[in-house]
Structures are given as C-alpha cells and as structure tokens.
Protein backbone atom coordinates (compact mmCIF):
# COMPACT_ATOMS: atom_id res chain seq x y z
CA MET A 1 -3.96 11.31 -22.49
CA ILE A 2 -7.23 11.71 -24.21
CA THR A 3 -7.87 14.81 -26.90
CA LEU A 4 -10.73 16.58 -27.46
CA GLU A 5 -11.48 19.13 -30.60
CA HIS A 6 -14.01 20.93 -32.02
CA LEU A 7 -13.76 23.88 -34.67
CA ASP A 8 -10.15 25.94 -34.13
CA GLN A 9 -10.14 24.61 -30.15
CA SER A 10 -8.77 21.59 -29.00
CA VAL A 11 -7.86 20.03 -25.39
CA ILE A 12 -5.88 17.77 -23.65
CA ILE A 13 -6.57 15.73 -20.73
CA ASP A 14 -4.95 13.25 -18.69
CA GLU A 15 -6.34 11.33 -15.83
CA GLY A 16 -8.94 13.76 -14.97
CA GLU A 17 -6.65 17.17 -15.25
CA LEU A 18 -7.19 19.56 -18.09
CA ILE A 19 -3.28 19.76 -19.62
CA SER A 20 -4.21 22.08 -22.29
CA TYR A 21 -7.13 24.23 -23.86
CA GLN A 22 -6.03 25.78 -27.11
CA VAL A 23 -7.67 28.08 -29.42
CA GLU A 24 -6.61 28.37 -32.82
CA GLY A 25 -3.03 27.19 -31.63
CA TYR A 26 -3.22 29.57 -28.79
CA GLU A 27 -2.63 27.99 -25.22
CA PHE A 28 -4.46 29.44 -22.36
CA MET A 29 -3.09 26.83 -19.65
CA HIS A 30 -0.18 26.89 -17.55
CA GLN A 31 2.30 24.00 -18.21
CA LYS A 32 3.93 21.72 -15.80
CA GLY A 33 7.39 22.31 -15.85
CA GLU A 34 6.75 26.04 -16.22
CA PRO A 35 8.02 28.45 -13.15
CA GLY A 36 5.16 28.59 -10.34
CA TRP A 37 2.87 25.72 -9.97
CA GLY A 38 3.15 22.02 -10.53
CA ASN A 39 -0.22 21.51 -12.08
CA THR A 40 -2.20 22.50 -14.60
CA ASP A 41 -5.41 22.36 -12.76
CA THR A 42 -6.89 20.21 -9.85
CA GLU A 43 -10.23 20.04 -7.21
CA MET A 44 -10.08 21.26 -3.88
CA PHE A 45 -13.10 18.80 -1.74
CA PRO A 46 -14.48 18.33 1.04
CA VAL A 47 -12.42 21.14 2.54
CA ILE A 48 -10.66 24.13 1.25
CA GLY A 49 -7.87 25.83 2.78
CA PRO A 50 -5.22 24.79 5.13
CA THR A 51 -6.01 22.88 8.38
CA GLU A 52 -2.14 22.04 9.82
CA ALA A 53 -2.68 24.78 12.55
CA ALA A 54 -5.89 22.90 13.76
CA GLY A 55 -3.68 19.24 13.49
CA TYR A 56 -5.00 18.42 10.07
CA ARG A 57 -8.57 18.13 11.80
CA VAL A 58 -12.06 18.99 10.70
CA GLN A 59 -14.55 19.08 12.91
CA VAL A 60 -17.57 16.89 11.29
CA PRO A 61 -21.03 15.59 12.11
CA LYS A 62 -19.47 12.35 12.75
CA GLY A 63 -16.23 9.81 12.95
CA ASN A 64 -12.73 11.40 12.31
CA ALA A 65 -11.83 13.42 9.86
CA VAL A 66 -8.22 14.15 8.90
CA GLN A 67 -7.80 16.22 6.46
CA ASP A 68 -4.72 18.00 4.55
CA GLN A 69 -4.97 21.65 2.39
CA HIS A 70 -7.54 21.66 0.25
CA GLY A 71 -8.88 18.37 1.11
CA HIS A 72 -7.88 14.16 0.12
CA LEU A 73 -10.01 14.12 -3.34
CA ARG A 74 -6.72 15.24 -5.20
CA GLU A 75 -4.73 12.15 -3.57
CA LEU A 76 -7.80 9.69 -5.31
CA ARG A 77 -7.66 8.69 -8.94
CA TYR A 78 -9.87 9.01 -11.69
CA HIS A 79 -11.42 6.19 -13.64
CA LEU A 80 -12.27 7.39 -17.40
CA ASN A 81 -16.01 6.18 -17.21
CA ALA A 82 -17.12 7.50 -20.90
CA GLN A 83 -15.61 9.56 -23.85
CA GLU A 84 -17.41 10.70 -27.19
CA LYS A 85 -16.12 13.22 -29.86
CA HIS A 86 -16.46 16.30 -27.47
CA SER A 87 -16.73 15.19 -24.24
CA ALA A 88 -15.51 13.21 -22.05
CA ILE A 89 -16.62 11.81 -18.22
CA TYR A 90 -14.03 11.05 -15.31
CA THR A 91 -14.90 9.23 -11.61
CA LYS A 92 -12.95 9.19 -8.58
CA GLU A 93 -14.98 7.35 -5.34
CA TYR A 94 -14.27 7.17 -1.95
CA GLN A 95 -15.65 4.59 0.74
CA ALA A 96 -16.24 5.90 4.51
CA GLY A 97 -13.16 5.19 6.71
CA THR A 98 -10.94 4.31 3.88
CA LEU A 99 -6.92 5.70 4.77
CA VAL A 100 -5.69 7.85 2.10
CA SER A 101 -1.95 8.27 1.84
CA ASN A 102 -0.65 12.19 2.11
CA SER A 103 1.71 12.69 -1.07
CA LYS A 104 2.78 15.79 1.20
CA TYR A 105 4.16 13.97 3.95
CA PRO A 106 6.96 13.90 4.59
CA LYS A 107 8.34 17.13 3.26
CA ARG A 108 5.17 19.30 3.11
CA SER A 109 3.05 18.18 5.88
CA LYS A 110 2.85 16.09 9.46
CA ALA A 111 -0.05 14.15 8.59
CA PRO A 112 0.47 10.74 6.83
CA LYS A 113 -2.72 9.30 6.21
CA LEU A 114 -6.09 11.19 5.29
CA ILE A 115 -9.51 10.14 6.36
CA TRP A 116 -13.18 11.07 6.04
CA PRO A 117 -15.94 9.36 7.38
CA PHE A 118 -18.47 9.74 4.66
CA ASN A 119 -18.81 8.08 1.23
CA PHE A 120 -19.17 9.77 -2.20
CA ARG A 121 -18.64 9.70 -5.51
CA PHE A 122 -17.27 12.80 -7.67
CA GLU A 123 -17.82 13.18 -11.33
CA LYS A 124 -15.59 15.73 -13.41
CA LYS A 125 -17.09 15.91 -17.50
CA PHE A 126 -15.60 17.95 -20.13
CA HIS A 127 -17.45 19.32 -23.06
CA LEU A 128 -15.98 21.30 -26.01
CA GLY A 129 -18.93 23.24 -27.58
CA ASP A 130 -19.32 26.18 -30.03
CA GLU A 131 -18.84 28.80 -27.28
CA GLY A 132 -15.87 27.34 -25.31
CA LEU A 133 -14.82 24.35 -22.31
CA LYS A 134 -17.61 23.81 -20.04
CA ILE A 135 -16.61 21.72 -16.82
CA THR A 136 -19.46 19.87 -15.00
CA PHE A 137 -18.55 18.57 -11.00
CA THR A 138 -21.41 16.31 -9.73
CA VAL A 139 -21.29 15.37 -5.83
CA SER A 140 -22.95 11.99 -4.41
CA GLY A 141 -22.61 10.94 -1.26
CA GLU A 142 -24.98 10.10 2.38
CA ARG A 143 -27.13 12.40 3.18
CA ASP A 144 -26.17 15.68 5.35
CA MET A 145 -22.60 14.58 4.32
CA PRO A 146 -20.83 18.31 4.55
CA TYR A 147 -18.53 19.37 1.94
CA MET A 148 -16.42 22.68 0.73
CA LEU A 149 -15.50 22.68 -2.99
CA GLY A 150 -13.08 24.40 -5.43
CA TYR A 151 -11.98 24.64 -9.07
CA HIS A 152 -8.20 25.35 -8.96
CA PRO A 153 -7.29 26.07 -12.89
CA ALA A 154 -3.86 27.45 -13.60
CA PHE A 155 -3.68 29.67 -16.33
CA ARG A 156 -0.47 30.93 -18.36
CA LEU A 157 0.48 34.62 -18.52
CA ARG A 158 2.63 36.55 -21.41
CA SER A 159 2.20 40.14 -20.36
CA PRO A 160 2.94 42.11 -17.54
CA ASP A 161 -0.20 43.57 -17.61
CA ALA A 162 -2.46 41.16 -17.03
CA ARG A 163 -5.31 41.82 -14.95
CA VAL A 164 -8.84 39.82 -13.39
CA VAL A 165 -11.97 42.08 -14.16
CA GLY A 166 -15.60 41.09 -12.26
CA GLY A 167 -17.22 41.10 -8.97
CA GLY A 168 -16.99 45.44 -9.49
CA LYS A 169 -12.77 45.03 -9.35
CA SER A 170 -10.03 44.92 -11.73
CA VAL A 171 -6.98 43.40 -10.01
CA ARG A 172 -3.73 43.26 -11.36
CA LEU A 173 -0.99 40.49 -11.18
CA ALA A 174 0.89 42.19 -8.31
CA GLU A 175 -1.81 42.81 -6.31
CA VAL A 176 -2.97 39.19 -6.63
CA MET A 177 0.96 38.13 -5.58
CA ALA A 178 0.99 40.19 -2.85
CA ALA A 179 -2.16 38.10 -1.57
CA GLY A 180 0.55 35.54 -1.08
CA ASP A 181 -0.69 32.10 -0.20
CA LYS A 182 -3.84 33.13 1.34
CA ALA A 183 -4.77 34.12 -2.17
CA LEU A 184 -7.16 37.13 -2.84
CA GLU A 185 -10.86 36.79 -2.75
CA ILE A 186 -13.35 38.24 -5.25
CA PRO A 187 -17.11 37.37 -3.17
CA GLU A 188 -20.00 37.06 -4.55
CA THR A 189 -19.63 36.48 -8.26
CA ASP A 190 -20.32 34.00 -10.89
CA SER A 191 -18.32 35.31 -13.27
CA LEU A 192 -14.64 36.80 -14.44
CA VAL A 193 -12.64 37.60 -17.06
CA LEU A 194 -8.70 37.03 -17.35
CA GLU A 195 -7.22 39.92 -19.50
CA ASP A 196 -3.92 39.47 -21.44
CA GLU A 197 -2.69 39.18 -24.81
CA LYS A 198 -6.07 37.29 -25.09
CA ARG A 199 -9.18 37.14 -23.28
CA ILE A 200 -10.70 34.23 -21.57
CA GLY A 201 -13.71 34.36 -19.05
CA VAL A 202 -14.66 31.86 -16.47
CA SER A 203 -18.41 31.42 -15.40
CA THR A 204 -19.89 29.68 -13.30
CA ARG A 205 -22.70 27.90 -11.64
CA GLY A 206 -23.44 26.80 -8.14
CA PHE A 207 -19.88 28.13 -6.27
CA GLY A 208 -20.61 31.56 -5.52
CA SER A 209 -16.98 33.62 -5.31
CA PHE A 210 -13.58 32.97 -6.13
CA MET A 211 -10.30 33.07 -5.24
CA LEU A 212 -6.90 34.54 -6.57
CA TRP A 213 -3.78 32.79 -6.65
CA SER A 214 -0.14 33.49 -8.45
CA PRO A 215 3.39 31.90 -6.84
CA SER A 216 5.14 33.60 -10.48
CA ALA A 217 4.31 36.18 -12.67
CA ASN A 218 4.64 33.95 -15.57
CA MET A 219 0.68 32.59 -14.07
CA ILE A 220 -2.21 32.89 -12.23
CA CYS A 221 -5.37 30.30 -10.62
CA VAL A 222 -8.39 31.75 -11.33
CA GLU A 223 -10.29 29.57 -8.69
CA PRO A 224 -14.33 29.08 -8.06
CA VAL A 225 -14.98 28.18 -4.23
CA THR A 226 -17.89 27.75 -2.04
CA PHE A 227 -16.19 29.09 0.25
CA TYR A 228 -13.16 31.59 1.40
CA PRO A 229 -11.61 29.56 3.66
CA TYR A 230 -9.16 32.63 5.40
CA ALA A 231 -12.46 34.02 6.63
CA VAL A 232 -12.15 32.04 9.96
CA GLU A 233 -9.60 30.27 11.77
CA GLN A 234 -8.22 26.87 11.06
CA THR A 235 -10.21 25.52 13.63
CA SER A 236 -13.11 26.76 12.76
CA LEU A 237 -12.96 25.51 9.03
CA HIS A 238 -16.48 23.69 9.62
CA GLU A 239 -18.16 26.97 9.28
CA GLY A 240 -18.15 27.09 5.88
CA PHE A 241 -19.52 23.89 4.99
CA ARG A 242 -22.41 22.91 2.70
CA PHE A 243 -24.73 19.89 3.17
CA LEU A 244 -25.52 17.13 0.58
CA HIS A 245 -29.01 16.53 0.48
CA GLN A 246 -30.80 13.44 -1.02
CA GLU A 247 -29.87 14.23 -4.87
CA ASP A 248 -26.83 15.01 -6.52
CA VAL A 249 -25.18 18.45 -6.37
CA GLU A 250 -24.17 19.58 -9.78
CA PHE A 251 -21.54 22.71 -10.56
CA GLU A 252 -20.56 23.95 -13.75
CA VAL A 253 -17.42 25.99 -14.94
CA SER A 254 -17.36 27.51 -18.30
CA LEU A 255 -14.16 28.60 -20.02
CA ILE A 256 -14.97 31.00 -22.68
CA PRO A 257 -12.13 32.12 -24.86
CA ASN A 258 -11.57 35.68 -26.61
CA ILE A 259 -14.59 37.35 -24.49
CA LYS A 260 -15.17 40.65 -24.53
CA THR A 261 -15.53 42.97 -21.42
C-alpha cells in the first residue's frame, strides 16, 4: 500500500485500487468488509456489462473474444511504475490471445478462461492536488481495437436522504437501489455531485455518461462510462464499442470534496 498526502487530504492505494480518500479525517470511500460490495474501486474494460446471455462471446473485428461481465482488465495485476509525494502511476499490459483465469469461475460464471485478440496497455495515474483527487486513465494498443471503458468507485453513505445531483436529475438512493443490477443511467453529462453528510463531486473528461448502482443503503457507486450496456441486448454489446486510433486515448475522473451545488 502507498499513501499520498496533500494539505488536509490523504489517499491510500493498494495495488492500484483506491481504498481510501479522506479529507479532514472524513472517509469518502466505501471500505472492504462493509456491507455491499467487496471492493472500493475497479475499472470496466474492454467491455462494460454482462455477457452470460451471449455465451460470454463479444463480437469484435478479429479473433475470438471471450469476456465475462465488465471485461477482463480487473483480472490483471497492476504494476507500480512511478511514485512521488502527490502522485502514483500504475500500469497493466495484455498480450493478444493470452488466456486469463476468470476469478468468478465456477461459482458465478461458466467461463473458466477469458481472452482478447488485441494487445493493449492500460495506465492509471493518481494525482492529489489542491482541489481534490484526479485519476487519469490512458489506453494504448493496436490501431482499431474496439473498447469500452468505465470507472467503478464506491462511496460510503451515512444519510438515508443521500442523493446524486446532475445531468438535469436529482436521484434518491431508493431509486438507484430499485434499478438493481442493471444500474441507473444518467446520460450525456460529464459531472455529478453526491450529496450525503458531506458533498463530493465526480467530474470527468472523455466518458460522456454515468451509471449509478447500489446493493445496500450504506454505499453507492457513481460510475463514469463510455456506454450504457443495458441499452442493448447482450448479443449486441458490440454496438457500444469505440475504436483506438494511432494515438493513445486519455480519460479523467476528478473527485472534488465539499463541492457546492
């Protein structure tokens, strides 16, 4: 684990996973071991959404793509590439055609191995600054590689009146929980504010939309996504792909504490 500190803020990162973000001692992130989800954050790549109904197959321009829900990036291990006082950079690399063990198999999946027919490199950079925590994702790989990207952070909740505001909506926790595993879409917006005992803003660049998901009243996930996967049938998940060009593509997520609405 590594710790970043700046002014009254502190961040703890465990092998690339953001497990703590505190401001003046107030913890914004959901903690492992608490009811709800077993993680604090993860990335959804190169697909977002379930694939079981499609036999774990996703249509791509070449080769064989076997993917479980939200892609196989989460099965790869992050490597710490650089660390400074206020920042840290982690990377994952994947070689086309490499079989990856699926941690959901056999209890929660029928796919023992996952595979993707493209090379890629995925970088996750944390930077703690005056305004908050910025997380930058950089994707590089083969030209015309299809991909989707989603960031999946979980925030701790304390108030039964917690809500998410933005995109022309004000959404109560009960509405998010009622959406179940499909999550609640907040389309065509780059920023949302989570209003609980304290506020935190989630401002993004490059994604375009959000999903909201909560399995229990003590937490909520505010997830920037390039594509809302439940808008199509699982057999048509490929309709949500973007494609890499020659240059790397970059995405940003900023967590801005105590933001005013």
